[in-house]
């Protein structure tokens, strides 16, 4: 199938396209070198089964700002690229090097979030079409019998209670060969998963009860530096700088001095880079829960003084994340403006790229009509618009302009695969 070429595609503010096109052109001119480098890099790591990467494109910098190893938006992908997902799913399962015919998906503990369940229905459909028998098991204690949920798309999902039989996880009499987590284990690893025989992917040690964003970006920093040396660019152009400190308790105001000093230090470092690259914008940072998702526990800061002046409502918002988990550590990340806009209203937008195994399989734009270019868009009120691929992210056209849609998406695919490679190193470190 061919993607609808009439789809709206976000554009970059004209005044910012000069340095951006230069970065994109360098990437395009080095495509063969880049793809060879990736091929060699994948040989030494364990690649995540799937992942999604949030990217911010400021016009002078393109960088990942979050990498999710339990992606929950497969229903938002352009349906024209379903075949890419199916092929990538086959590769991901083949790369387990295990005899797999039956797969059990373990989703988040949602029954009311129908948008999330649309994602599960899409994921199940992809894997079924890849040639595997797939069922959906649930960890929810209040589901004791198979429960069918009707979705607005006319799809349905059948949630079945999981049980343990000796060292294996089952639903009913379905004995899976592979457990595929789409649950980020914010609340910790369930006892039921411990010491089971079946392979679980992603590894439970990569759930948010164990994983830290600062650890991921430590690995990304190393990957970005090596990649930048490969193509001869400043790593800063593709790497968001960050800091972190010790324990923080927003309600008790403990650790605030450390947080404040790190905010000041990072803002000064960003400003130095802005001067070096002639960037005429005010630096800002994003303070985020170091372990967490769903866009919770995030705030945009432009001055260290803002930290000491947080009111009770702001501190309460930063104190907990998903499932009421207490925030005890934060990452202070360089804020990257997004200068992509969507539609005639020029609504702020940012791309989210999806991968299965090492393949880019699509993505979408997160669009928010009530947010600015320096704010977190992953908040209530956002919507999703499928990326209007004119071709696959892995197929650029060097003879076209560097910022044409096809080439821009190739650049996004390169940045996303760098984040995926960093996550691969995370996995190797976690299981070693």
Protein backbone atom coordinates (compact mmCIF):
# COMPACT_ATOMS: atom_id res chain seq x y z
CA UNK A 1 0.00 0.00 0.00
CA UNK A 2 1.13 3.57 -0.64
CA UNK A 3 0.75 6.20 2.08
CA UNK A 4 -1.75 9.01 1.47
CA UNK A 5 0.39 11.79 0.02
CA UNK A 6 -2.25 14.39 0.94
CA UNK A 7 -1.59 14.01 4.66
CA UNK A 8 -0.44 17.14 6.42
CA UNK A 9 3.24 17.13 7.33
CA UNK A 10 4.64 19.49 10.00
CA UNK A 11 7.11 22.08 8.84
CA UNK A 12 10.08 23.79 10.45
CA UNK A 13 10.07 27.55 10.93
CA UNK A 14 11.80 28.91 7.80
CA UNK A 15 14.38 30.95 9.72
CA UNK A 16 15.66 27.78 11.37
CA UNK A 17 16.12 25.53 8.36
CA UNK A 18 19.68 26.59 7.50
CA UNK A 19 21.66 24.78 10.21
CA UNK A 20 19.10 21.98 10.27
CA UNK A 21 19.52 21.24 6.59
CA UNK A 22 23.28 21.25 7.07
CA UNK A 23 23.02 18.54 9.76
CA UNK A 24 20.55 16.55 7.68
CA UNK A 25 22.74 16.88 4.58
CA UNK A 26 25.77 15.55 6.48
CA UNK A 27 23.71 12.54 7.57
CA UNK A 28 22.45 11.94 4.02
CA UNK A 29 25.93 12.26 2.53
CA UNK A 30 27.18 9.64 4.98
CA UNK A 31 24.32 7.17 4.57
CA UNK A 32 26.48 4.23 3.45
CA UNK A 33 28.96 4.82 6.27
CA UNK A 34 26.13 5.17 8.79
CA UNK A 35 24.34 1.99 7.75
CA UNK A 36 27.59 0.02 7.83
CA UNK A 37 28.32 1.39 11.30
CA UNK A 38 24.86 0.34 12.53
CA UNK A 39 25.23 -3.17 11.08
CA UNK A 40 28.45 -3.67 13.01
CA UNK A 41 27.05 -2.11 16.19
CA UNK A 42 24.01 -4.44 16.31
CA UNK A 43 26.24 -7.52 16.34
CA UNK A 44 27.54 -6.84 19.85
CA UNK A 45 24.29 -6.09 21.69
CA UNK A 46 20.87 -7.49 22.54
CA UNK A 47 18.33 -5.34 20.73
CA UNK A 48 15.01 -4.52 22.46
CA UNK A 49 11.97 -6.32 21.04
CA UNK A 50 10.43 -2.91 20.44
CA UNK A 51 10.83 0.72 21.46
CA UNK A 52 9.57 4.21 20.77
CA UNK A 53 11.62 7.41 20.85
CA UNK A 54 10.36 10.97 21.43
CA UNK A 55 12.38 13.41 19.31
CA UNK A 56 12.61 17.18 19.50
CA UNK A 57 13.59 19.11 16.38
CA UNK A 58 14.63 22.67 17.18
CA UNK A 59 15.95 23.53 13.74
CA UNK A 60 19.52 23.77 15.04
CA UNK A 61 19.44 20.46 16.94
CA UNK A 62 17.67 17.09 16.61
CA UNK A 63 17.76 14.92 19.72
CA UNK A 64 15.87 12.16 21.51
CA UNK A 65 14.37 13.25 24.83
CA UNK A 66 12.81 9.96 25.93
CA UNK A 67 13.09 6.28 25.01
CA UNK A 68 10.22 3.96 25.93
CA UNK A 69 10.85 0.21 25.99
CA UNK A 70 7.15 -0.58 26.47
CA UNK A 71 5.58 1.47 23.63
CA UNK A 72 1.84 1.99 23.81
CA UNK A 73 0.83 3.65 20.55
CA UNK A 74 0.85 0.98 17.83
CA UNK A 75 -2.71 1.99 16.99
CA UNK A 76 -1.43 5.47 16.05
CA UNK A 77 0.91 4.24 13.31
CA UNK A 78 0.16 4.75 9.64
CA UNK A 79 -1.66 1.58 8.57
CA UNK A 80 0.12 1.71 5.21
CA UNK A 81 3.21 0.38 6.95
CA UNK A 82 1.68 -2.60 8.67
CA UNK A 83 3.76 -4.88 6.47
CA UNK A 84 6.93 -3.32 7.91
CA UNK A 85 5.70 -4.09 11.43
CA UNK A 86 4.88 -7.69 10.52
CA UNK A 87 8.30 -8.29 8.98
CA UNK A 88 10.07 -6.61 11.91
CA UNK A 89 8.07 -8.68 14.42
CA UNK A 90 9.16 -11.85 12.62
CA UNK A 91 12.79 -10.71 12.85
CA UNK A 92 12.48 -9.80 16.54
CA UNK A 93 11.06 -13.22 17.39
CA UNK A 94 13.61 -15.00 15.20
CA UNK A 95 16.42 -13.16 17.00
CA UNK A 96 15.39 -14.74 20.32
CA UNK A 97 16.92 -17.92 18.81
CA UNK A 98 14.18 -19.96 20.48
CA UNK A 99 11.44 -22.19 19.01
CA UNK A 100 8.46 -19.88 19.40
CA UNK A 101 4.91 -20.46 18.18
CA UNK A 102 2.81 -19.10 21.05
CA UNK A 103 3.13 -15.61 22.52
CA UNK A 104 1.42 -14.11 25.58
CA UNK A 105 1.15 -10.30 25.76
CA UNK A 106 1.00 -8.82 29.27
CA UNK A 107 -0.53 -5.31 29.06
CA UNK A 108 -0.83 -2.48 31.57
CA UNK A 109 -3.54 -2.81 34.20
CA UNK A 110 -6.08 -0.74 32.25
CA UNK A 111 -9.66 -1.64 31.40
CA UNK A 112 -11.09 1.89 31.09
CA UNK A 113 -8.31 3.35 28.93
CA UNK A 114 -9.71 2.27 25.57
CA UNK A 115 -7.00 4.16 23.64
CA UNK A 116 -4.39 2.00 25.32
CA UNK A 117 -6.35 -1.15 24.59
CA UNK A 118 -6.52 -0.14 20.92
CA UNK A 119 -2.72 -0.29 21.07
CA UNK A 120 -2.89 -3.83 22.48
CA UNK A 121 -5.35 -4.88 19.76
CA UNK A 122 -3.02 -3.48 17.08
CA UNK A 123 0.03 -5.19 18.60
CA UNK A 124 -1.81 -8.51 18.82
CA UNK A 125 -2.91 -8.18 15.19
CA UNK A 126 0.65 -7.49 14.00
CA UNK A 127 2.06 -10.54 15.77
CA UNK A 128 -0.79 -12.77 14.60
CA UNK A 129 -0.18 -11.71 11.01
CA UNK A 130 3.50 -12.48 11.55
CA UNK A 131 2.40 -16.09 11.97
CA UNK A 132 2.10 -16.64 15.72
CA UNK A 133 -0.68 -17.63 18.09
CA UNK A 134 -1.23 -14.73 20.48
CA UNK A 135 -3.27 -14.32 23.65
CA UNK A 136 -3.52 -11.43 26.13
CA UNK A 137 -2.96 -12.14 29.81
CA UNK A 138 -3.62 -9.68 32.61
CA UNK A 139 -2.10 -9.07 36.04
CA UNK A 140 -5.29 -7.39 37.28
CA UNK A 141 -6.53 -9.16 40.40
CA UNK A 142 -10.16 -8.19 39.78
CA UNK A 143 -10.25 -10.08 36.46
CA UNK A 144 -10.81 -13.72 37.41
CA UNK A 145 -12.50 -14.89 34.20
CA UNK A 146 -11.87 -14.06 30.52
CA UNK A 147 -13.15 -10.53 29.90
CA UNK A 148 -13.92 -9.22 26.43
CA UNK A 149 -13.76 -5.45 25.88
CA UNK A 150 -15.32 -3.81 22.83
CA UNK A 151 -13.34 -0.92 21.35
CA UNK A 152 -14.47 2.10 19.34
CA UNK A 153 -12.58 0.82 16.29
CA UNK A 154 -14.86 -2.28 16.31
CA UNK A 155 -11.85 -4.33 17.48
CA UNK A 156 -12.08 -6.33 20.68
CA UNK A 157 -9.53 -7.48 23.22
CA UNK A 158 -9.93 -10.57 25.36
CA UNK A 159 -8.16 -10.19 28.70
CA UNK A 160 -7.49 -13.50 30.43
CA UNK A 161 -6.23 -13.98 33.99
CA UNK A 162 -2.73 -15.43 34.10
CA UNK A 163 -1.76 -18.27 36.37
CA UNK A 164 1.44 -20.02 37.27
CA UNK A 165 1.94 -23.75 36.86
CA UNK A 166 5.26 -24.70 38.45
CA UNK A 167 7.77 -22.55 36.53
CA UNK A 168 5.55 -21.51 33.65
CA UNK A 169 3.00 -18.72 33.07
CA UNK A 170 -0.26 -19.75 31.39
CA UNK A 171 -3.72 -18.44 30.53
CA UNK A 172 -6.30 -21.19 30.64
CA UNK A 173 -4.55 -24.11 28.86
CA UNK A 174 -2.50 -21.80 26.62
CA UNK A 175 1.17 -22.45 27.35
CA UNK A 176 3.19 -19.64 25.69
CA UNK A 177 6.76 -19.91 24.48
CA UNK A 178 7.39 -16.17 24.91
CA UNK A 179 6.06 -13.55 27.34
CA UNK A 180 5.89 -10.11 25.68
CA UNK A 181 5.61 -7.30 28.24
CA UNK A 182 3.68 -4.18 27.34
CA UNK A 183 3.56 -3.35 31.03
CA UNK A 184 6.37 -1.12 32.30
CA UNK A 185 6.30 -2.65 35.81
CA UNK A 186 6.25 0.73 37.54
CA UNK A 187 5.11 -1.00 40.71
CA UNK A 188 7.85 -3.62 40.58
CA UNK A 189 8.28 -7.14 39.23
CA UNK A 190 5.38 -9.45 40.21
CA UNK A 191 6.40 -12.51 42.21
CA UNK A 192 4.63 -14.60 39.58
CA UNK A 193 7.34 -13.70 37.06
CA UNK A 194 10.30 -14.73 39.19
CA UNK A 195 12.28 -17.79 38.10
CA UNK A 196 9.95 -18.81 35.27
CA UNK A 197 11.20 -20.94 32.39
CA UNK A 198 9.81 -18.87 29.55
CA UNK A 199 11.71 -15.95 28.06
CA UNK A 200 10.30 -12.56 29.06
CA UNK A 201 10.94 -9.59 26.79
CA UNK A 202 11.74 -6.81 27.47
CA UNK A 203 13.63 -8.08 30.54
CA UNK A 204 11.82 -7.27 33.80
CA UNK A 205 14.98 -5.46 34.94
CA UNK A 206 14.16 -2.79 32.33
CA UNK A 207 10.86 -1.91 34.00
CA UNK A 208 10.54 1.53 35.61
CA UNK A 209 10.91 0.04 39.08
CA UNK A 210 14.58 -0.55 38.16
CA UNK A 211 15.39 1.54 35.09
CA UNK A 212 16.65 5.14 35.22
CA UNK A 213 16.51 7.68 32.41
CA UNK A 214 19.90 9.04 33.48
CA UNK A 215 21.38 5.59 32.96
CA UNK A 216 19.90 5.41 29.46
CA UNK A 217 21.25 8.84 28.54
CA UNK A 218 24.67 7.91 29.88
CA UNK A 219 24.71 5.12 27.30
CA UNK A 220 23.23 7.45 24.66
CA UNK A 221 25.96 10.01 25.32
CA UNK A 222 28.62 7.42 24.49
CA UNK A 223 26.76 6.26 21.37
CA UNK A 224 26.24 9.85 20.17
CA UNK A 225 29.90 10.70 20.69
CA UNK A 226 31.04 7.72 18.61
CA UNK A 227 28.49 8.50 15.90
CA UNK A 228 29.45 12.19 15.83
CA UNK A 229 33.11 11.28 15.36
CA UNK A 230 32.07 8.97 12.51
CA UNK A 231 30.43 11.74 10.48
CA UNK A 232 32.38 14.73 11.80
CA UNK A 233 29.83 16.74 13.79
CA UNK A 234 29.60 18.21 17.28
CA UNK A 235 27.84 15.53 19.42
CA UNK A 236 25.77 18.29 21.01
CA UNK A 237 23.76 18.59 17.79
CA UNK A 238 22.17 15.19 18.50
CA UNK A 239 22.63 14.77 22.26
CA UNK A 240 20.64 16.47 25.05
CA UNK A 241 23.00 17.26 27.93
CA UNK A 242 21.86 16.30 31.42
CA UNK A 243 22.69 16.29 35.10
CA UNK A 244 21.37 14.38 38.09
CA UNK A 245 21.91 14.45 41.82
CA UNK A 246 21.00 12.40 44.88
CA UNK A 247 17.69 11.88 46.60
CA UNK A 248 14.96 14.49 46.20
CA UNK A 249 11.75 14.90 48.19
CA UNK A 250 9.66 17.69 46.71
CA UNK A 251 7.10 17.73 49.52
CA UNK A 252 9.73 17.95 52.27
CA UNK A 253 11.95 20.20 50.10
CA UNK A 254 14.86 17.83 50.66
CA UNK A 255 17.61 17.77 48.01
CA UNK A 256 16.43 21.10 46.61
CA UNK A 257 19.85 22.75 46.96
CA UNK A 258 21.48 20.00 44.89
CA UNK A 259 18.72 20.26 42.30
CA UNK A 260 19.03 24.04 42.15
CA UNK A 261 22.83 24.01 41.72
CA UNK A 262 22.61 21.39 38.96
CA UNK A 263 19.94 23.42 37.15
CA UNK A 264 22.22 26.48 37.31
CA UNK A 265 25.23 24.51 36.05
CA UNK A 266 23.36 22.96 33.15
CA UNK A 267 21.76 26.24 32.08
CA UNK A 268 25.21 27.84 31.96
CA UNK A 269 26.60 24.95 29.90
CA UNK A 270 23.68 25.15 27.48
CA UNK A 271 24.18 28.89 27.12
CA UNK A 272 27.85 28.30 26.23
CA UNK A 273 26.76 25.90 23.48
CA UNK A 274 24.14 28.36 22.25
CA UNK A 275 26.83 31.03 21.91
CA UNK A 276 29.12 28.58 20.12
CA UNK A 277 26.41 27.71 17.58
CA UNK A 278 24.85 31.21 17.33
CA UNK A 279 21.53 30.09 18.80
CA UNK A 280 19.43 33.10 19.74
CA UNK A 281 17.10 31.48 22.28
CA UNK A 282 16.82 31.38 26.04
CA UNK A 283 18.15 28.10 27.50
CA UNK A 284 15.81 25.95 29.56
CA UNK A 285 15.90 22.54 31.20
CA UNK A 286 13.36 19.80 31.80
CA UNK A 287 13.29 18.36 35.31
CA UNK A 288 11.87 14.84 35.10
CA UNK A 289 11.31 11.89 37.36
CA UNK A 290 14.34 9.68 36.68
CA UNK A 291 12.08 6.63 36.62
CA UNK A 292 8.70 7.14 35.06
CA UNK A 293 6.52 7.44 32.04
CA UNK A 294 3.19 8.84 30.78
CA UNK A 295 4.64 12.37 30.88
CA UNK A 296 4.16 12.57 34.66
CA UNK A 297 6.61 14.27 37.00
CA UNK A 298 7.93 16.73 34.39
CA UNK A 299 8.44 20.49 34.52
CA UNK A 300 10.16 23.11 32.37
CA UNK A 301 12.63 25.42 34.20
CA UNK A 302 14.44 28.54 32.93
CA UNK A 303 16.12 29.70 36.15
CA UNK A 304 17.43 28.04 39.29
CA UNK A 305 15.26 30.47 41.27
CA UNK A 306 12.16 28.67 40.03
CA UNK A 307 13.18 25.57 42.02
CA UNK A 308 13.03 27.31 45.40
CA UNK A 309 9.78 29.06 44.47
CA UNK A 310 7.76 25.96 43.56
CA UNK A 311 4.32 26.24 45.12
CA UNK A 312 2.55 23.35 46.83
CA UNK A 313 0.55 22.42 43.72
CA UNK A 314 3.72 22.25 41.60
CA UNK A 315 5.57 20.24 44.25
CA UNK A 316 2.65 17.83 44.56
CA UNK A 317 2.62 17.33 40.79
CA UNK A 318 6.33 16.48 40.86
CA UNK A 319 6.14 14.28 43.96
CA UNK A 320 4.55 11.19 42.36
CA UNK A 321 4.30 9.50 38.99
CA UNK A 322 2.22 6.65 37.57
CA UNK A 323 0.41 4.45 40.11
CA UNK A 324 1.29 6.94 42.84
CA UNK A 325 4.97 5.97 42.87
CA UNK A 326 7.02 8.48 44.85
CA UNK A 327 9.62 10.51 42.96
CA UNK A 328 12.93 10.21 44.80
CA UNK A 329 15.35 10.93 41.93
CA UNK A 330 15.18 13.32 38.98
CA UNK A 331 17.11 13.90 35.78
CA UNK A 332 17.78 17.50 34.75
CA UNK A 333 17.81 17.38 30.96
CA UNK A 334 18.70 20.08 28.46
CA UNK A 335 15.48 21.48 27.08
CA UNK A 336 15.22 21.11 23.31
CA UNK A 337 12.73 23.41 21.60
CA UNK A 338 10.36 21.86 19.10
CA UNK A 339 9.95 24.09 16.07
CA UNK A 340 7.75 21.76 14.11
CA UNK A 341 4.14 22.84 13.72
CA UNK A 342 1.04 21.07 12.49
CA UNK A 343 -1.69 22.43 10.20
CA UNK A 344 -2.89 25.93 9.45
CA UNK A 345 -3.12 26.69 13.17
CA UNK A 346 0.63 25.92 13.47
CA UNK A 347 0.02 23.73 16.50
CA UNK A 348 3.19 22.59 18.29
CA UNK A 349 4.22 19.04 17.32
CA UNK A 350 6.98 16.50 17.92
CA UNK A 351 7.72 13.18 16.18
CA UNK A 352 7.58 9.83 17.96
CA UNK A 353 9.35 7.03 16.08
CA UNK A 354 8.52 3.34 16.55
CA UNK A 355 10.90 0.44 16.10
CA UNK A 356 10.66 -3.34 16.32
CA UNK A 357 13.96 -5.16 16.59
CA UNK A 358 16.40 -2.91 14.65
CA UNK A 359 13.80 -1.74 12.12
CA UNK A 360 12.04 1.61 12.02
CA UNK A 361 8.40 0.68 11.43
CA UNK A 362 6.67 4.05 11.53
CA UNK A 363 5.64 6.75 13.93
CA UNK A 364 3.36 9.67 14.53
CA UNK A 365 3.38 13.30 15.58
CA UNK A 366 2.32 14.19 19.09
CA UNK A 367 0.38 17.43 18.69
CA UNK A 368 -0.82 19.75 21.45
CA UNK A 369 -2.83 22.92 20.89
CA UNK A 370 -2.28 24.35 24.38
CA UNK A 371 1.47 23.85 24.76
CA UNK A 372 4.43 26.00 23.72
CA UNK A 373 7.64 25.05 21.94
CA UNK A 374 9.48 24.57 25.25
CA UNK A 375 6.85 22.54 27.12
CA UNK A 376 6.22 18.83 27.57
CA UNK A 377 3.63 17.73 24.98
CA UNK A 378 2.93 14.35 26.62
CA UNK A 379 0.03 15.71 28.68
CA UNK A 380 -3.79 15.56 28.60
CA UNK A 381 -5.10 17.35 25.53
CA UNK A 382 -2.53 15.91 23.14
CA UNK A 383 -3.53 14.11 19.97
CA UNK A 384 -1.68 11.91 17.51
CA UNK A 385 -1.27 12.31 13.77
CA UNK A 386 0.34 9.44 11.77
CA UNK A 387 3.63 10.33 10.13
CA UNK A 388 2.93 10.95 6.46
CA UNK A 389 5.68 8.72 5.14
CA UNK A 390 6.22 9.03 1.41
CA UNK A 391 8.60 6.12 1.84
CA UNK A 392 10.24 4.16 4.61
CA UNK A 393 12.46 5.92 7.16
CA UNK A 394 15.36 3.78 5.98
CA UNK A 395 15.13 4.87 2.34
CA UNK A 396 16.36 8.46 1.87
CA UNK A 397 16.72 10.18 -1.47
CA UNK A 398 20.05 12.09 -1.56
CA UNK A 399 19.13 13.87 -4.80
CA UNK A 400 16.22 15.66 -3.10
CA UNK A 401 16.40 18.53 -0.64
CA UNK A 402 17.83 17.58 2.75
CA UNK A 403 14.65 18.59 4.56
CA UNK A 404 12.14 16.96 2.21
CA UNK A 405 9.76 14.63 4.04
CA UNK A 406 11.46 11.42 3.00
CA UNK A 407 14.91 12.64 4.03
CA UNK A 408 13.74 14.24 7.26
CA UNK A 409 12.15 10.98 8.32
CA UNK A 410 15.37 9.16 7.48
CA UNK A 411 17.19 11.54 9.82
CA UNK A 412 14.60 10.82 12.51
CA UNK A 413 15.15 7.12 11.91
CA UNK A 414 18.91 7.54 12.42
CA UNK A 415 18.44 9.46 15.69
CA UNK A 416 15.92 6.89 16.91
CA UNK A 417 18.23 3.99 16.12
CA UNK A 418 20.99 5.71 18.10
CA UNK A 419 18.62 5.75 21.08
CA UNK A 420 17.74 2.11 20.38
CA UNK A 421 21.43 1.23 20.37
CA UNK A 422 21.82 2.97 23.74
CA UNK A 423 18.89 0.91 25.06
CA UNK A 424 20.59 -2.21 23.72
CA UNK A 425 23.63 -1.39 25.83
CA UNK A 426 21.28 -0.87 28.78
CA UNK A 427 19.94 -4.38 28.33
CA UNK A 428 23.41 -5.88 28.10
CA UNK A 429 24.39 -4.07 31.30
CA UNK A 430 21.19 -5.15 33.09
CA UNK A 431 21.49 -8.85 32.29
CA UNK A 432 25.27 -9.16 32.70
